[in-house]
Amino acid sequence: MDNPFLAPHERPGNVVLDLDGVVFLGSEAIPGAGAALHRLADAGWRVLFATNNGTRSLEVVTARITDQT
């Protein structure tokens, strides 16, 4: 997706998303979340994730994002 307001070498910036309630609801991915994440990345946004749920390791959370989105 080309953005006429950005030079070809520029990125729009960063977006930080909470995992619980934004990307996932309980053990399920929120419908459309995966597509939205891919659209952001394809548009050049750097997608970062935040959570206040410390019960899962980084590896588990990373696998979950990869597998369910």
PDB file of N, CA and C in Angstrom:
ATOM      1  N   MET A   1       0.840  -1.163   0.000  1.00  0.00           N
ATOM      2  CA  MET A   1       0.000   0.000   0.000  1.00  0.00           C
ATOM      3  C   MET A   1       0.895   1.239   0.000  1.00  0.00           C
ATOM      4  N   ASP A   2       0.876   2.008  -1.065  1.00  0.00           N
ATOM      5  CA  ASP A   2       1.706   3.202  -1.159  1.00  0.00           C
ATOM      6  C   ASP A   2       1.040   4.370  -0.453  1.00  0.00           C
ATOM      7  N   ASN A   3       1.862   5.134   0.250  1.00  0.00           N
ATOM      8  CA  ASN A   3       1.370   6.324   0.928  1.00  0.00           C
ATOM      9  C   ASN A   3       2.027   7.527   0.263  1.00  0.00           C
ATOM     10  N   PRO A   4       1.258   8.383  -0.392  1.00  0.00           N
ATOM     11  CA  PRO A   4       1.850   9.509  -1.120  1.00  0.00           C
ATOM     12  C   PRO A   4       2.492  10.552  -0.221  1.00  0.00           C
ATOM     13  N   PHE A   5       2.267  10.493   1.081  1.00  0.00           N
ATOM     14  CA  PHE A   5       2.819  11.481   2.001  1.00  0.00           C
ATOM     15  C   PHE A   5       4.171  11.085   2.570  1.00  0.00           C
ATOM     16  N   LEU A   6       4.618   9.866   2.271  1.00  0.00           N
ATOM     17  CA  LEU A   6       5.897   9.388   2.790  1.00  0.00           C
ATOM     18  C   LEU A   6       6.872   9.170   1.650  1.00  0.00           C
ATOM     19  N   ALA A   7       8.104   9.551   1.882  1.00  0.00           N
ATOM     20  CA  ALA A   7       9.141   9.216   0.913  1.00  0.00           C
ATOM     21  C   ALA A   7       9.314   7.696   0.931  1.00  0.00           C
ATOM     22  N   PRO A   8       9.783   7.103  -0.158  1.00  0.00           N
ATOM     23  CA  PRO A   8       9.880   5.639  -0.224  1.00  0.00           C
ATOM     24  C   PRO A   8      10.691   5.006   0.902  1.00  0.00           C
ATOM     25  N   HIS A   9      11.636   5.719   1.464  1.00  0.00           N
ATOM     26  CA  HIS A   9      12.488   5.143   2.507  1.00  0.00           C
ATOM     27  C   HIS A   9      11.932   5.351   3.921  1.00  0.00           C
ATOM     28  N   GLU A  10      10.851   6.093   4.052  1.00  0.00           N
ATOM     29  CA  GLU A  10      10.297   6.389   5.378  1.00  0.00           C
ATOM     30  C   GLU A  10       9.232   5.371   5.774  1.00  0.00           C
ATOM     31  N   ARG A  11       9.196   5.080   7.069  1.00  0.00           N
ATOM     32  CA  ARG A  11       8.129   4.246   7.627  1.00  0.00           C
ATOM     33  C   ARG A  11       7.163   5.143   8.364  1.00  0.00           C
ATOM     34  N   PRO A  12       5.886   4.721   8.458  1.00  0.00           N
ATOM     35  CA  PRO A  12       4.926   5.535   9.206  1.00  0.00           C
ATOM     36  C   PRO A  12       5.289   5.665  10.679  1.00  0.00           C
ATOM     37  N   GLY A  13       5.843   4.633  11.291  1.00  0.00           N
ATOM     38  CA  GLY A  13       6.202   4.699  12.702  1.00  0.00           C
ATOM     39  C   GLY A  13       5.901   3.401  13.405  1.00  0.00           C
ATOM     40  N   ASN A  14       5.609   3.509  14.673  1.00  0.00           N
ATOM     41  CA  ASN A  14       5.361   2.340  15.512  1.00  0.00           C
ATOM     42  C   ASN A  14       3.916   2.324  15.980  1.00  0.00           C
ATOM     43  N   VAL A  15       3.400   1.130  16.194  1.00  0.00           N
ATOM     44  CA  VAL A  15       2.100   0.968  16.820  1.00  0.00           C
ATOM     45  C   VAL A  15       2.272  -0.095  17.906  1.00  0.00           C
ATOM     46  N   VAL A  16       1.811   0.229  19.106  1.00  0.00           N
ATOM     47  CA  VAL A  16       1.913  -0.696  20.240  1.00  0.00           C
ATOM     48  C   VAL A  16       0.506  -1.184  20.559  1.00  0.00           C
ATOM     49  N   LEU A  17       0.347  -2.505  20.569  1.00  0.00           N
ATOM     50  CA  LEU A  17      -0.956  -3.112  20.822  1.00  0.00           C
ATOM     51  C   LEU A  17      -0.899  -3.986  22.064  1.00  0.00           C
ATOM     52  N   ASP A  18      -1.904  -3.863  22.889  1.00  0.00           N
ATOM     53  CA  ASP A  18      -2.052  -4.770  24.020  1.00  0.00           C
ATOM     54  C   ASP A  18      -2.515  -6.110  23.464  1.00  0.00           C
ATOM     55  N   LEU A  19      -2.049  -7.191  24.031  1.00  0.00           N
ATOM     56  CA  LEU A  19      -2.451  -8.514  23.549  1.00  0.00           C
ATOM     57  C   LEU A  19      -3.828  -8.908  24.050  1.00  0.00           C
ATOM     58  N   ASP A  20      -4.055  -8.759  25.348  1.00  0.00           N
ATOM     59  CA  ASP A  20      -5.307  -9.211  25.952  1.00  0.00           C
ATOM     60  C   ASP A  20      -6.441  -8.237  25.631  1.00  0.00           C
ATOM     61  N   GLY A  21      -7.406  -8.707  24.861  1.00  0.00           N
ATOM     62  CA  GLY A  21      -8.553  -7.890  24.505  1.00  0.00           C
ATOM     63  C   GLY A  21      -8.406  -7.139  23.198  1.00  0.00           C
ATOM     64  N   VAL A  22      -7.212  -7.116  22.621  1.00  0.00           N
ATOM     65  CA  VAL A  22      -6.991  -6.448  21.340  1.00  0.00           C
ATOM     66  C   VAL A  22      -6.634  -7.469  20.263  1.00  0.00           C
ATOM     67  N   VAL A  23      -5.685  -8.345  20.580  1.00  0.00           N
ATOM     68  CA  VAL A  23      -5.276  -9.391  19.655  1.00  0.00           C
ATOM     69  C   VAL A  23      -5.931 -10.720  20.039  1.00  0.00           C
ATOM     70  N   PHE A  24      -6.035 -10.966  21.331  1.00  0.00           N
ATOM     71  CA  PHE A  24      -6.636 -12.198  21.848  1.00  0.00           C
ATOM     72  C   PHE A  24      -7.717 -11.865  22.870  1.00  0.00           C
ATOM     73  N   LEU A  25      -8.696 -12.738  22.938  1.00  0.00           N
ATOM     74  CA  LEU A  25      -9.696 -12.674  23.995  1.00  0.00           C
ATOM     75  C   LEU A  25      -9.725 -14.059  24.617  1.00  0.00           C
ATOM     76  N   GLY A  26      -9.155 -14.171  25.808  1.00  0.00           N
ATOM     77  CA  GLY A  26      -8.993 -15.490  26.417  1.00  0.00           C
ATOM     78  C   GLY A  26      -7.995 -16.292  25.611  1.00  0.00           C
ATOM     79  N   SER A  27      -8.394 -17.473  25.191  1.00  0.00           N
ATOM     80  CA  SER A  27      -7.493 -18.343  24.434  1.00  0.00           C
ATOM     81  C   SER A  27      -7.697 -18.232  22.924  1.00  0.00           C
ATOM     82  N   GLU A  28      -8.572 -17.342  22.481  1.00  0.00           N
ATOM     83  CA  GLU A  28      -8.896 -17.216  21.057  1.00  0.00           C
ATOM     84  C   GLU A  28      -8.417 -15.894  20.482  1.00  0.00           C
ATOM     85  N   ALA A  29      -7.984 -15.944  19.235  1.00  0.00           N
ATOM     86  CA  ALA A  29      -7.638 -14.711  18.525  1.00  0.00           C
ATOM     87  C   ALA A  29      -8.926 -13.949  18.220  1.00  0.00           C
ATOM     88  N   ILE A  30      -8.880 -12.650  18.331  1.00  0.00           N
ATOM     89  CA  ILE A  30     -10.037 -11.822  17.996  1.00  0.00           C
ATOM     90  C   ILE A  30     -10.195 -11.839  16.469  1.00  0.00           C
ATOM     91  N   PRO A  31     -11.411 -12.093  15.978  1.00  0.00           N
ATOM     92  CA  PRO A  31     -11.625 -12.143  14.531  1.00  0.00           C
ATOM     93  C   PRO A  31     -11.134 -10.862  13.852  1.00  0.00           C
ATOM     94  N   GLY A  32     -10.344 -11.045  12.811  1.00  0.00           N
ATOM     95  CA  GLY A  32      -9.817  -9.916  12.056  1.00  0.00           C
ATOM     96  C   GLY A  32      -8.505  -9.358  12.583  1.00  0.00           C
ATOM     97  N   ALA A  33      -8.099  -9.777  13.778  1.00  0.00           N
ATOM     98  CA  ALA A  33      -6.863  -9.228  14.357  1.00  0.00           C
ATOM     99  C   ALA A  33      -5.645  -9.594  13.518  1.00  0.00           C
ATOM    100  N   GLY A  34      -5.574 -10.838  13.092  1.00  0.00           N
ATOM    101  CA  GLY A  34      -4.430 -11.268  12.282  1.00  0.00           C
ATOM    102  C   GLY A  34      -4.326 -10.474  10.991  1.00  0.00           C
ATOM    103  N   ALA A  35      -5.460 -10.296  10.317  1.00  0.00           N
ATOM    104  CA  ALA A  35      -5.466  -9.526   9.072  1.00  0.00           C
ATOM    105  C   ALA A  35      -5.042  -8.084   9.325  1.00  0.00           C
ATOM    106  N   ALA A  36      -5.512  -7.509  10.423  1.00  0.00           N
ATOM    107  CA  ALA A  36      -5.139  -6.127  10.755  1.00  0.00           C
ATOM    108  C   ALA A  36      -3.643  -6.008  11.026  1.00  0.00           C
ATOM    109  N   LEU A  37      -3.081  -6.983  11.741  1.00  0.00           N
ATOM    110  CA  LEU A  37      -1.639  -6.969  12.013  1.00  0.00           C
ATOM    111  C   LEU A  37      -0.849  -7.034  10.718  1.00  0.00           C
ATOM    112  N   HIS A  38      -1.270  -7.898   9.810  1.00  0.00           N
ATOM    113  CA  HIS A  38      -0.568  -8.024   8.521  1.00  0.00           C
ATOM    114  C   HIS A  38      -0.698  -6.745   7.693  1.00  0.00           C
ATOM    115  N   ARG A  39      -1.872  -6.116   7.721  1.00  0.00           N
ATOM    116  CA  ARG A  39      -2.049  -4.866   6.978  1.00  0.00           C
ATOM    117  C   ARG A  39      -1.159  -3.760   7.531  1.00  0.00           C
ATOM    118  N   LEU A  40      -1.051  -3.680   8.849  1.00  0.00           N
ATOM    119  CA  LEU A  40      -0.163  -2.683   9.454  1.00  0.00           C
ATOM    120  C   LEU A  40       1.281  -2.917   9.019  1.00  0.00           C
ATOM    121  N   ALA A  41       1.726  -4.171   9.122  1.00  0.00           N
ATOM    122  CA  ALA A  41       3.104  -4.505   8.748  1.00  0.00           C
ATOM    123  C   ALA A  41       3.341  -4.238   7.262  1.00  0.00           C
ATOM    124  N   ASP A  42       2.388  -4.616   6.424  1.00  0.00           N
ATOM    125  CA  ASP A  42       2.532  -4.397   4.982  1.00  0.00           C
ATOM    126  C   ASP A  42       2.587  -2.909   4.636  1.00  0.00           C
ATOM    127  N   ALA A  43       1.932  -2.082   5.453  1.00  0.00           N
ATOM    128  CA  ALA A  43       1.943  -0.636   5.223  1.00  0.00           C
ATOM    129  C   ALA A  43       3.200   0.028   5.785  1.00  0.00           C
ATOM    130  N   GLY A  44       4.070  -0.776   6.419  1.00  0.00           N
ATOM    131  CA  GLY A  44       5.331  -0.239   6.903  1.00  0.00           C
ATOM    132  C   GLY A  44       5.384   0.078   8.381  1.00  0.00           C
ATOM    133  N   TRP A  45       4.274  -0.131   9.090  1.00  0.00           N
ATOM    134  CA  TRP A  45       4.277   0.115  10.535  1.00  0.00           C
ATOM    135  C   TRP A  45       5.097  -0.938  11.249  1.00  0.00           C
ATOM    136  N   ARG A  46       5.806  -0.554  12.262  1.00  0.00           N
ATOM    137  CA  ARG A  46       6.496  -1.491  13.150  1.00  0.00           C
ATOM    138  C   ARG A  46       5.502  -1.840  14.251  1.00  0.00           C
ATOM    139  N   VAL A  47       5.106  -3.110  14.313  1.00  0.00           N
ATOM    140  CA  VAL A  47       4.083  -3.546  15.254  1.00  0.00           C
ATOM    141  C   VAL A  47       4.755  -4.112  16.502  1.00  0.00           C
ATOM    142  N   LEU A  48       4.430  -3.523  17.643  1.00  0.00           N
ATOM    143  CA  LEU A  48       4.966  -3.953  18.934  1.00  0.00           C
ATOM    144  C   LEU A  48       3.803  -4.402  19.808  1.00  0.00           C
ATOM    145  N   PHE A  49       4.082  -5.317  20.720  1.00  0.00           N
ATOM    146  CA  PHE A  49       3.037  -5.848  21.586  1.00  0.00           C
ATOM    147  C   PHE A  49       3.374  -5.588  23.043  1.00  0.00           C
ATOM    148  N   ALA A  50       2.329  -5.361  23.833  1.00  0.00           N
ATOM    149  CA  ALA A  50       2.483  -5.156  25.269  1.00  0.00           C
ATOM    150  C   ALA A  50       1.444  -6.006  25.983  1.00  0.00           C
ATOM    151  N   THR A  51       1.776  -6.406  27.192  1.00  0.00           N
ATOM    152  CA  THR A  51       0.824  -7.137  28.008  1.00  0.00           C
ATOM    153  C   THR A  51       1.197  -6.957  29.476  1.00  0.00           C
ATOM    154  N   ASN A  52       0.193  -7.029  30.312  1.00  0.00           N
ATOM    155  CA  ASN A  52       0.471  -7.027  31.748  1.00  0.00           C
ATOM    156  C   ASN A  52       0.248  -8.424  32.321  1.00  0.00           C
ATOM    157  N   ASN A  53       0.127  -9.412  31.438  1.00  0.00           N
ATOM    158  CA  ASN A  53      -0.041 -10.807  31.840  1.00  0.00           C
ATOM    159  C   ASN A  53       1.321 -11.479  31.782  1.00  0.00           C
ATOM    160  N   GLY A  54       1.931 -11.674  32.917  1.00  0.00           N
ATOM    161  CA  GLY A  54       3.266 -12.256  32.973  1.00  0.00           C
ATOM    162  C   GLY A  54       3.287 -13.753  33.193  1.00  0.00           C
ATOM    163  N   THR A  55       2.167 -14.427  32.931  1.00  0.00           N
ATOM    164  CA  THR A  55       2.103 -15.865  33.201  1.00  0.00           C
ATOM    165  C   THR A  55       2.685 -16.709  32.075  1.00  0.00           C
ATOM    166  N   ARG A  56       2.956 -16.106  30.926  1.00  0.00           N
ATOM    167  CA  ARG A  56       3.513 -16.852  29.794  1.00  0.00           C
ATOM    168  C   ARG A  56       4.879 -16.288  29.430  1.00  0.00           C
ATOM    169  N   SER A  57       5.763 -17.185  28.991  1.00  0.00           N
ATOM    170  CA  SER A  57       7.103 -16.754  28.583  1.00  0.00           C
ATOM    171  C   SER A  57       7.038 -16.044  27.235  1.00  0.00           C
ATOM    172  N   LEU A  58       8.085 -15.313  26.919  1.00  0.00           N
ATOM    173  CA  LEU A  58       8.180 -14.628  25.636  1.00  0.00           C
ATOM    174  C   LEU A  58       8.043 -15.625  24.483  1.00  0.00           C
ATOM    175  N   GLU A  59       8.654 -16.785  24.623  1.00  0.00           N
ATOM    176  CA  GLU A  59       8.596 -17.801  23.570  1.00  0.00           C
ATOM    177  C   GLU A  59       7.162 -18.289  23.340  1.00  0.00           C
ATOM    178  N   VAL A  60       6.422 -18.492  24.425  1.00  0.00           N
ATOM    179  CA  VAL A  60       5.038 -18.952  24.317  1.00  0.00           C
ATOM    180  C   VAL A  60       4.171 -17.872  23.666  1.00  0.00           C
ATOM    181  N   VAL A  61       4.348 -16.637  24.093  1.00  0.00           N
ATOM    182  CA  VAL A  61       3.565 -15.529  23.530  1.00  0.00           C
ATOM    183  C   VAL A  61       3.893 -15.351  22.050  1.00  0.00           C
ATOM    184  N   THR A  62       5.164 -15.406  21.697  1.00  0.00           N
ATOM    185  CA  THR A  62       5.576 -15.265  20.305  1.00  0.00           C
ATOM    186  C   THR A  62       4.976 -16.360  19.434  1.00  0.00           C
ATOM    187  N   ALA A  63       5.025 -17.590  19.911  1.00  0.00           N
ATOM    188  CA  ALA A  63       4.439 -18.714  19.172  1.00  0.00           C
ATOM    189  C   ALA A  63       2.940 -18.536  18.994  1.00  0.00           C
ATOM    190  N   ARG A  64       2.283 -18.056  20.028  1.00  0.00           N
ATOM    191  CA  ARG A  64       0.836 -17.852  19.968  1.00  0.00           C
ATOM    192  C   ARG A  64       0.470 -16.794  18.937  1.00  0.00           C
ATOM    193  N   ILE A  65       1.193 -15.694  18.923  1.00  0.00           N
ATOM    194  CA  ILE A  65       0.944 -14.641  17.938  1.00  0.00           C
ATOM    195  C   ILE A  65       1.161 -15.186  16.529  1.00  0.00           C
ATOM    196  N   THR A  66       2.252 -15.899  16.348  1.00  0.00           N
ATOM    197  CA  THR A  66       2.585 -16.455  15.032  1.00  0.00           C
ATOM    198  C   THR A  66       1.547 -17.474  14.584  1.00  0.00           C
ATOM    199  N   ASP A  67       1.138 -18.345  15.469  1.00  0.00           N
ATOM    200  CA  ASP A  67       0.220 -19.434  15.105  1.00  0.00           C
ATOM    201  C   ASP A  67      -1.214 -18.973  14.918  1.00  0.00           C
ATOM    202  N   GLN A  68      -1.654 -17.984  15.667  1.00  0.00           N
ATOM    203  CA  GLN A  68      -3.078 -17.632  15.668  1.00  0.00           C
ATOM    204  C   GLN A  68      -3.418 -16.370  14.900  1.00  0.00           C
ATOM    205  N   THR A  69      -2.430 -15.702  14.315  1.00  0.00           N
ATOM    206  CA  THR A  69      -2.787 -14.480  13.590  1.00  0.00           C
ATOM    207  C   THR A  69      -2.412 -14.592  12.134  1.00  0.00           C
TER     208      THR A  69
END
